Amino acid sequence: MPSDRLKSQLESLQQTLNESNSPLSSEEHEALQALATSLEARLLNDTTDLQVDEDPSLVDGVNLMAEQFEARHPTLASTLRSVMQSLADMGI
């Protein structure tokens, strides 16, 4: 189920954010935290069976972050690309 994959990927992002020795800059950390909050809201909507419209800004934001993190944080960029795929599978 795509929402289960998204939840797993969100947990991975949260682990990265919670690492005390994270290589992320404060700006990167804040951007990822905002993204994680948006994804959590999206999952909450999905679990309550509310009708959810497509949100291109969420997908565009994930895509932009994946591109920005590609050189310095390739593992994180890969996780973000997986998030994009999960969102696409959910019809977002």
C-alpha atoms as a PDB file:
ATOM      1  CA  MET A   1       0.000   0.000   0.000  1.00  0.00           C
ATOM      2  CA  PRO A   2       1.514   3.366  -1.006  1.00  0.00           C
ATOM      3  CA  SER A   3       0.600   5.078   2.264  1.00  0.00           C
ATOM      4  CA  ASP A   4       2.506   2.398   4.208  1.00  0.00           C
ATOM      5  CA  ARG A   5       5.587   3.013   2.056  1.00  0.00           C
ATOM      6  CA  LEU A   6       5.214   6.759   2.565  1.00  0.00           C
ATOM      7  CA  LYS A   7       4.960   6.248   6.326  1.00  0.00           C
ATOM      8  CA  SER A   8       8.147   4.168   6.284  1.00  0.00           C
ATOM      9  CA  GLN A   9       9.962   6.790   4.226  1.00  0.00           C
ATOM     10  CA  LEU A  10       8.742   9.519   6.560  1.00  0.00           C
ATOM     11  CA  GLU A  11      10.151   7.561   9.515  1.00  0.00           C
ATOM     12  CA  SER A  12      13.488   7.411   7.696  1.00  0.00           C
ATOM     13  CA  LEU A  13      13.423  11.181   7.185  1.00  0.00           C
ATOM     14  CA  GLN A  14      12.590  11.704  10.864  1.00  0.00           C
ATOM     15  CA  GLN A  15      15.532   9.502  11.877  1.00  0.00           C
ATOM     16  CA  THR A  16      17.824  11.656   9.768  1.00  0.00           C
ATOM     17  CA  LEU A  17      16.392  14.797  11.341  1.00  0.00           C
ATOM     18  CA  ASN A  18      16.797  13.410  14.859  1.00  0.00           C
ATOM     19  CA  GLU A  19      20.457  12.451  14.446  1.00  0.00           C
ATOM     20  CA  SER A  20      22.563  14.593  16.756  1.00  0.00           C
ATOM     21  CA  ASN A  21      25.577  14.404  14.439  1.00  0.00           C
ATOM     22  CA  SER A  22      23.581  15.058  11.272  1.00  0.00           C
ATOM     23  CA  PRO A  23      25.598  16.513   8.378  1.00  0.00           C
ATOM     24  CA  LEU A  24      22.658  18.771   7.472  1.00  0.00           C
ATOM     25  CA  SER A  25      22.973  22.533   7.677  1.00  0.00           C
ATOM     26  CA  SER A  26      20.379  24.361   9.747  1.00  0.00           C
ATOM     27  CA  GLU A  27      18.625  25.507   6.548  1.00  0.00           C
ATOM     28  CA  GLU A  28      18.531  21.960   5.198  1.00  0.00           C
ATOM     29  CA  HIS A  29      17.247  20.690   8.534  1.00  0.00           C
ATOM     30  CA  GLU A  30      14.452  23.286   8.602  1.00  0.00           C
ATOM     31  CA  ALA A  31      13.453  22.541   4.998  1.00  0.00           C
ATOM     32  CA  LEU A  32      13.335  18.807   5.674  1.00  0.00           C
ATOM     33  CA  GLN A  33      11.335  19.344   8.859  1.00  0.00           C
ATOM     34  CA  ALA A  34       8.779  21.403   6.927  1.00  0.00           C
ATOM     35  CA  LEU A  35       8.572  18.665   4.311  1.00  0.00           C
ATOM     36  CA  ALA A  36       8.127  15.992   6.990  1.00  0.00           C
ATOM     37  CA  THR A  37       5.303  18.024   8.539  1.00  0.00           C
ATOM     38  CA  SER A  38       3.575  18.290   5.150  1.00  0.00           C
ATOM     39  CA  LEU A  39       3.941  14.558   4.576  1.00  0.00           C
ATOM     40  CA  GLU A  40       2.559  13.780   8.038  1.00  0.00           C
ATOM     41  CA  ALA A  41      -0.481  15.939   7.271  1.00  0.00           C
ATOM     42  CA  ARG A  42      -0.881  14.101   3.986  1.00  0.00           C
ATOM     43  CA  LEU A  43      -0.772  10.726   5.746  1.00  0.00           C
ATOM     44  CA  LEU A  44      -3.323  11.921   8.299  1.00  0.00           C
ATOM     45  CA  ASN A  45      -5.682  12.891   5.472  1.00  0.00           C
ATOM     46  CA  ASP A  46      -5.144   9.490   3.877  1.00  0.00           C
ATOM     47  CA  THR A  47      -5.912   7.551   7.052  1.00  0.00           C
ATOM     48  CA  THR A  48      -9.127   9.494   7.706  1.00  0.00           C
ATOM     49  CA  ASP A  49     -10.399   8.693   4.186  1.00  0.00           C
ATOM     50  CA  LEU A  50     -10.935  12.337   3.347  1.00  0.00           C
ATOM     51  CA  GLN A  51     -11.086  13.210  -0.319  1.00  0.00           C
ATOM     52  CA  VAL A  52      -7.647  14.573  -1.126  1.00  0.00           C
ATOM     53  CA  ASP A  53      -6.878  16.659  -4.164  1.00  0.00           C
ATOM     54  CA  GLU A  54      -3.590  16.526  -5.964  1.00  0.00           C
ATOM     55  CA  ASP A  55      -0.974  18.801  -4.436  1.00  0.00           C
ATOM     56  CA  PRO A  56       1.627  19.624  -7.070  1.00  0.00           C
ATOM     57  CA  SER A  57       3.454  21.962  -4.688  1.00  0.00           C
ATOM     58  CA  LEU A  58       4.191  19.049  -2.332  1.00  0.00           C
ATOM     59  CA  VAL A  59       5.541  16.892  -5.148  1.00  0.00           C
ATOM     60  CA  ASP A  60       7.485  19.821  -6.616  1.00  0.00           C
ATOM     61  CA  GLY A  61       8.972  20.554  -3.190  1.00  0.00           C
ATOM     62  CA  VAL A  62      10.110  16.965  -2.737  1.00  0.00           C
ATOM     63  CA  ASN A  63      11.595  16.949  -6.244  1.00  0.00           C
ATOM     64  CA  LEU A  64      13.456  20.221  -5.643  1.00  0.00           C
ATOM     65  CA  MET A  65      14.893  18.945  -2.357  1.00  0.00           C
ATOM     66  CA  ALA A  66      16.004  15.693  -3.979  1.00  0.00           C
ATOM     67  CA  GLU A  67      17.899  17.698  -6.588  1.00  0.00           C
ATOM     68  CA  GLN A  68      19.451  19.984  -3.959  1.00  0.00           C
ATOM     69  CA  PHE A  69      20.597  17.101  -1.754  1.00  0.00           C
ATOM     70  CA  GLU A  70      21.940  14.955  -4.598  1.00  0.00           C
ATOM     71  CA  ALA A  71      25.592  16.003  -4.302  1.00  0.00           C
ATOM     72  CA  ARG A  72      25.981  16.390  -0.526  1.00  0.00           C
ATOM     73  CA  HIS A  73      23.470  13.825   0.746  1.00  0.00           C
ATOM     74  CA  PRO A  74      22.898  11.131  -1.924  1.00  0.00           C
ATOM     75  CA  THR A  75      21.201   8.689   0.471  1.00  0.00           C
ATOM     76  CA  LEU A  76      18.751  11.343   1.555  1.00  0.00           C
ATOM     77  CA  ALA A  77      18.135  12.307  -2.076  1.00  0.00           C
ATOM     78  CA  SER A  78      17.309   8.663  -2.802  1.00  0.00           C
ATOM     79  CA  THR A  79      14.821   8.612   0.066  1.00  0.00           C
ATOM     80  CA  LEU A  80      13.202  11.776  -1.290  1.00  0.00           C
ATOM     81  CA  ARG A  81      12.881  10.204  -4.733  1.00  0.00           C
ATOM     82  CA  SER A  82      11.178   7.229  -3.102  1.00  0.00           C
ATOM     83  CA  VAL A  83       8.801   9.649  -1.384  1.00  0.00           C
ATOM     84  CA  MET A  84       7.984  11.161  -4.792  1.00  0.00           C
ATOM     85  CA  GLN A  85       7.213   7.695  -6.160  1.00  0.00           C
ATOM     86  CA  SER A  86       4.959   6.912  -3.199  1.00  0.00           C
ATOM     87  CA  LEU A  87       3.100  10.181  -3.689  1.00  0.00           C
ATOM     88  CA  ALA A  88       2.668   9.368  -7.385  1.00  0.00           C
ATOM     89  CA  ASP A  89       1.361   5.900  -6.499  1.00  0.00           C
ATOM     90  CA  MET A  90      -1.152   7.573  -4.194  1.00  0.00           C
ATOM     91  CA  GLY A  91      -2.327   9.750  -7.062  1.00  0.00           C
ATOM     92  CA  ILE A  92      -0.803  12.927  -5.698  1.00  0.00           C
END
